[in-house]
C-alpha atoms as a PDB file:
ATOM      1  CA  MET A   1      10.370 -24.450   2.368  1.00  0.00           C
ATOM      2  CA  SER A   2      12.496 -23.845   5.544  1.00  0.00           C
ATOM      3  CA  GLN A   3      15.733 -22.033   5.169  1.00  0.00           C
ATOM      4  CA  ASN A   4      17.556 -25.435   6.376  1.00  0.00           C
ATOM      5  CA  LEU A   5      15.917 -27.325   3.645  1.00  0.00           C
ATOM      6  CA  ALA A   6      16.823 -24.825   1.043  1.00  0.00           C
ATOM      7  CA  GLN A   7      20.456 -24.905   2.002  1.00  0.00           C
ATOM      8  CA  SER A   8      20.581 -28.530   2.058  1.00  0.00           C
ATOM      9  CA  LEU A   9      19.015 -28.629  -1.604  1.00  0.00           C
ATOM     10  CA  LEU A  10      21.367 -26.062  -2.744  1.00  0.00           C
ATOM     11  CA  LYS A  11      24.257 -28.569  -1.831  1.00  0.00           C
ATOM     12  CA  LEU A  12      22.867 -30.903  -4.376  1.00  0.00           C
ATOM     13  CA  ASN A  13      23.773 -30.871  -8.200  1.00  0.00           C
ATOM     14  CA  PRO A  14      20.629 -31.038 -10.494  1.00  0.00           C
ATOM     15  CA  LYS A  15      20.645 -35.100 -10.781  1.00  0.00           C
ATOM     16  CA  GLU A  16      20.932 -35.378  -7.094  1.00  0.00           C
ATOM     17  CA  ARG A  17      18.150 -33.030  -6.466  1.00  0.00           C
ATOM     18  CA  ILE A  18      15.789 -35.077  -8.839  1.00  0.00           C
ATOM     19  CA  TYR A  19      17.034 -38.241  -6.991  1.00  0.00           C
ATOM     20  CA  VAL A  20      16.088 -36.772  -3.541  1.00  0.00           C
ATOM     21  CA  GLU A  21      12.789 -35.407  -4.906  1.00  0.00           C
ATOM     22  CA  SER A  22      12.212 -38.931  -6.418  1.00  0.00           C
ATOM     23  CA  ARG A  23      12.961 -40.711  -3.215  1.00  0.00           C
ATOM     24  CA  LEU A  24      10.855 -38.372  -1.172  1.00  0.00           C
ATOM     25  CA  ALA A  25       7.772 -39.067  -3.517  1.00  0.00           C
ATOM     26  CA  GLY A  26       8.170 -42.789  -2.840  1.00  0.00           C
ATOM     27  CA  LEU A  27      10.269 -44.224  -5.555  1.00  0.00           C
ATOM     28  CA  SER A  28      12.974 -46.914  -5.097  1.00  0.00           C
ATOM     29  CA  GLN A  29      16.667 -46.138  -5.275  1.00  0.00           C
ATOM     30  CA  VAL A  30      16.819 -47.642  -8.693  1.00  0.00           C
ATOM     31  CA  ALA A  31      13.852 -45.755 -10.028  1.00  0.00           C
ATOM     32  CA  SER A  32      14.899 -42.470  -8.538  1.00  0.00           C
ATOM     33  CA  ALA A  33      18.427 -42.711  -9.887  1.00  0.00           C
ATOM     34  CA  SER A  34      16.874 -43.578 -13.283  1.00  0.00           C
ATOM     35  CA  ALA A  35      14.398 -40.603 -13.206  1.00  0.00           C
ATOM     36  CA  ALA A  36      17.540 -38.390 -12.338  1.00  0.00           C
ATOM     37  CA  GLY A  37      19.202 -39.654 -15.556  1.00  0.00           C
ATOM     38  CA  TYR A  38      22.131 -41.753 -14.140  1.00  0.00           C
ATOM     39  CA  ALA A  39      23.475 -44.306 -16.715  1.00  0.00           C
ATOM     40  CA  HIS A  40      23.763 -47.193 -14.267  1.00  0.00           C
ATOM     41  CA  PRO A  41      20.760 -46.574 -11.730  1.00  0.00           C
ATOM     42  CA  ARG A  42      21.251 -49.524  -9.730  1.00  0.00           C
ATOM     43  CA  THR A  43      24.699 -48.805  -8.642  1.00  0.00           C
ATOM     44  CA  ARG A  44      24.342 -45.208  -8.721  1.00  0.00           C
ATOM     45  CA  GLY A  45      21.191 -45.504  -6.328  1.00  0.00           C
ATOM     46  CA  ASN A  46      23.277 -47.500  -3.723  1.00  0.00           C
ATOM     47  CA  GLU A  47      26.133 -44.777  -3.955  1.00  0.00           C
ATOM     48  CA  LEU A  48      24.039 -41.877  -3.696  1.00  0.00           C
ATOM     49  CA  GLU A  49      22.129 -43.233  -0.576  1.00  0.00           C
ATOM     50  CA  LYS A  50      25.549 -43.448   1.373  1.00  0.00           C
ATOM     51  CA  LYS A  51      26.451 -39.748   0.542  1.00  0.00           C
ATOM     52  CA  LYS A  52      26.172 -37.569   3.703  1.00  0.00           C
ATOM     53  CA  HIS A  53      24.783 -34.443   1.912  1.00  0.00           C
ATOM     54  CA  ILE A  54      21.925 -36.556   0.120  1.00  0.00           C
ATOM     55  CA  GLN A  55      21.198 -38.340   3.622  1.00  0.00           C
ATOM     56  CA  HIS A  56      20.992 -34.899   5.212  1.00  0.00           C
ATOM     57  CA  ALA A  57      18.721 -33.542   2.413  1.00  0.00           C
ATOM     58  CA  MET A  58      16.422 -36.246   2.704  1.00  0.00           C
ATOM     59  CA  MET A  59      16.138 -36.203   6.624  1.00  0.00           C
ATOM     60  CA  THR A  60      15.639 -32.408   6.520  1.00  0.00           C
ATOM     61  CA  ALA A  61      12.810 -32.845   3.990  1.00  0.00           C
ATOM     62  CA  MET A  62      11.167 -35.595   6.074  1.00  0.00           C
ATOM     63  CA  GLN A  63      11.470 -33.701   9.165  1.00  0.00           C
ATOM     64  CA  GLU A  64       9.993 -30.559   7.671  1.00  0.00           C
ATOM     65  CA  THR A  65       7.014 -32.782   6.343  1.00  0.00           C
ATOM     66  CA  ALA A  66       6.522 -34.358   9.665  1.00  0.00           C
ATOM     67  CA  GLU A  67       6.401 -30.738  11.347  1.00  0.00           C
ATOM     68  CA  GLU A  68       4.084 -29.660   8.697  1.00  0.00           C
ATOM     69  CA  VAL A  69       1.598 -32.283   9.325  1.00  0.00           C
ATOM     70  CA  GLY A  70       2.178 -32.478  13.008  1.00  0.00           C
ATOM     71  CA  PHE A  71       3.187 -36.171  12.856  1.00  0.00           C
ATOM     72  CA  THR A  72       5.643 -37.118  15.629  1.00  0.00           C
ATOM     73  CA  ARG A  73       7.552 -40.077  16.385  1.00  0.00           C
ATOM     74  CA  LYS A  74       5.536 -40.648  19.621  1.00  0.00           C
ATOM     75  CA  GLU A  75       2.540 -40.829  17.575  1.00  0.00           C
ATOM     76  CA  ALA A  76       4.115 -43.161  15.053  1.00  0.00           C
ATOM     77  CA  HIS A  77       5.223 -45.333  18.156  1.00  0.00           C
ATOM     78  CA  ASP A  78       1.530 -45.123  19.682  1.00  0.00           C
ATOM     79  CA  MET A  79       0.034 -46.228  16.367  1.00  0.00           C
ATOM     80  CA  LEU A  80       2.410 -49.198  15.917  1.00  0.00           C
ATOM     81  CA  MET A  81       1.738 -50.264  19.564  1.00  0.00           C
ATOM     82  CA  GLY A  82      -2.019 -50.036  18.821  1.00  0.00           C
ATOM     83  CA  ALA A  83      -1.180 -52.317  15.703  1.00  0.00           C
ATOM     84  CA  TYR A  84       0.676 -54.660  17.698  1.00  0.00           C
ATOM     85  CA  GLN A  85      -2.091 -54.815  20.246  1.00  0.00           C
ATOM     86  CA  ASN A  86      -4.889 -55.409  17.699  1.00  0.00           C
ATOM     87  CA  ALA A  87      -2.773 -57.877  15.482  1.00  0.00           C
ATOM     88  CA  ALA A  88      -4.817 -61.000  14.675  1.00  0.00           C
ATOM     89  CA  THR A  89      -1.761 -63.117  14.020  1.00  0.00           C
ATOM     90  CA  ALA A  90       1.929 -63.546  15.102  1.00  0.00           C
ATOM     91  CA  ALA A  91       3.139 -62.343  11.751  1.00  0.00           C
ATOM     92  CA  GLU A  92       1.351 -59.060  12.211  1.00  0.00           C
ATOM     93  CA  GLN A  93       2.765 -58.655  15.709  1.00  0.00           C
ATOM     94  CA  ILE A  94       6.331 -59.291  14.341  1.00  0.00           C
ATOM     95  CA  GLN A  95       5.909 -56.841  11.535  1.00  0.00           C
ATOM     96  CA  ALA A  96       4.639 -54.324  14.007  1.00  0.00           C
ATOM     97  CA  VAL A  97       7.830 -55.020  16.224  1.00  0.00           C
ATOM     98  CA  LYS A  98      10.072 -54.676  13.199  1.00  0.00           C
ATOM     99  CA  GLU A  99       8.451 -51.330  12.398  1.00  0.00           C
ATOM    100  CA  MET A 100       9.090 -50.177  15.835  1.00  0.00           C
ATOM    101  CA  ILE A 101      12.781 -51.168  15.687  1.00  0.00           C
ATOM    102  CA  ALA A 102      13.140 -49.327  12.618  1.00  0.00           C
ATOM    103  CA  LEU A 103      11.302 -46.199  13.822  1.00  0.00           C
ATOM    104  CA  HIS A 104      13.638 -46.075  17.099  1.00  0.00           C
ATOM    105  CA  GLY A 105      16.765 -47.106  15.244  1.00  0.00           C
ATOM    106  CA  ILE A 106      17.330 -50.019  17.616  1.00  0.00           C
ATOM    107  CA  ALA A 107      18.751 -52.567  15.292  1.00  0.00           C
ATOM    108  CA  VAL A 108      21.663 -51.455  13.216  1.00  0.00           C
ATOM    109  CA  PRO A 109      23.004 -54.094  10.859  1.00  0.00           C
ATOM    110  CA  LYS A 110      26.102 -55.760  12.157  1.00  0.00           C
ATOM    111  CA  GLN A 111      29.051 -54.564   9.982  1.00  0.00           C
ATOM    112  CA  ILE A 112      31.998 -57.100   9.774  1.00  0.00           C
ATOM    113  CA  GLU A 113      35.131 -55.754   8.187  1.00  0.00           C
ATOM    114  CA  VAL A 114      37.137 -58.535   6.733  1.00  0.00           C
ATOM    115  CA  LYS A 115      40.885 -57.871   6.561  1.00  0.00           C
ATOM    116  CA  HIS A 116      42.761 -60.340   4.461  1.00  0.00           C
ATOM    117  CA  GLN A 117      46.154 -60.277   2.638  1.00  0.00           C
ATOM    118  CA  HIS A 118      46.163 -63.108   0.082  1.00  0.00           C
ATOM    119  CA  THR A 119      49.635 -64.635   0.213  1.00  0.00           C
ATOM    120  CA  GLY A 120      48.736 -68.363  -1.081  1.00  0.00           C
ATOM    121  CA  THR A 121      48.303 -69.671  -4.421  1.00  0.00           C
ATOM    122  CA  VAL A 122      44.600 -71.024  -3.541  1.00  0.00           C
ATOM    123  CA  SER A 123      42.084 -68.635  -4.745  1.00  0.00           C
ATOM    124  CA  LEU A 124      39.094 -67.522  -2.846  1.00  0.00           C
ATOM    125  CA  GLU A 125      36.529 -68.961  -5.268  1.00  0.00           C
ATOM    126  CA  ARG A 126      37.807 -72.458  -4.771  1.00  0.00           C
ATOM    127  CA  MET A 127      38.036 -72.346  -0.800  1.00  0.00           C
ATOM    128  CA  GLU A 128      35.637 -74.289   1.114  1.00  0.00           C
ATOM    129  CA  THR A 129      32.821 -72.288   3.070  1.00  0.00           C
ATOM    130  CA  SER A 130      34.556 -73.338   6.148  1.00  0.00           C
ATOM    131  CA  GLU A 131      37.770 -71.828   5.211  1.00  0.00           C
ATOM    132  CA  LEU A 132      36.002 -68.500   4.084  1.00  0.00           C
ATOM    133  CA  MET A 133      34.217 -68.248   7.345  1.00  0.00           C
ATOM    134  CA  LYS A 134      37.553 -68.866   9.234  1.00  0.00           C
ATOM    135  CA  LEU A 135      39.226 -66.001   7.174  1.00  0.00           C
ATOM    136  CA  ALA A 136      36.151 -63.697   7.833  1.00  0.00           C
ATOM    137  CA  ASP A 137      36.520 -64.701  11.621  1.00  0.00           C
ATOM    138  CA  MET A 138      32.831 -65.750  11.512  1.00  0.00           C
ATOM    139  CA  GLU A 139      33.464 -69.450  12.570  1.00  0.00           C
ATOM    140  CA  ASP A 140      30.823 -69.471  15.071  1.00  0.00           C
ATOM    141  CA  LEU A 141      28.002 -68.070  12.809  1.00  0.00           C
ATOM    142  CA  ALA A 142      25.116 -70.516  12.537  1.00  0.00           C
ATOM    143  CA  PHE A 143      23.109 -70.630   9.541  1.00  0.00           C
ATOM    144  CA  GLU A 144      19.251 -71.366  10.296  1.00  0.00           C
ATOM    145  CA  GLY A 145      16.616 -72.400   8.004  1.00  0.00           C
ATOM    146  CA  GLU A 146      16.358 -74.705   5.024  1.00  0.00           C
ATOM    147  CA  PHE A 147      18.973 -74.335   2.315  1.00  0.00           C
ATOM    148  CA  GLU A 148      20.662 -76.387  -0.436  1.00  0.00           C
ATOM    149  CA  VAL A 149      24.205 -76.370  -0.665  1.00  0.00           C
ATOM    150  CA  ILE A 150      25.317 -75.935  -4.574  1.00  0.00           C
ATOM    151  CA  ASP A 151      28.875 -76.481  -5.838  1.00  0.00           C
ATOM    152  CA  ASP A 152      29.293 -73.754  -8.054  1.00  0.00           C
ATOM    153  CA  ARG A 153      32.890 -74.457  -8.449  1.00  0.00           C
ATOM    154  CA  LYS A 154      32.359 -76.520 -11.538  1.00  0.00           C
ATOM    155  CA  ARG A 155      31.111 -73.452 -13.330  1.00  0.00           C
ATOM    156  CA  LEU A 156      34.239 -71.589 -12.253  1.00  0.00           C
ATOM    157  CA  ARG A 157      36.758 -73.784 -14.150  1.00  0.00           C
END
């Protein structure tokens, strides 16, 4: 274990250390939070993934492992390119492209901050989708695909 990894792990409390070790072993966020003994593993797993010191510990451990086995980003890229070129279907090609995008951090999810001061008497639950889209400044967003509109307002009353 490198000194950098040891320092990263020392910044974690015992539950966080178990969480990180479980994540590095391949468990999901929920399973890792449960293994660490958190009362609400789904909520805590999401919260823990956002903490900088936990992200740092996991990245440090992954980098150390990659160095130990001699596996580089270039090798991963080359393997994904080979998978893309040898793909038998478009779906396999698309999956290889998605993996390369993730590997290189190209597609960062769009984050939209909604600022709203509720001053009216109409609750958000009762507003039409078009009104909510306008409030969120997302009027130009297009919904693609097949979907069914369900009127949940009846259940809210």
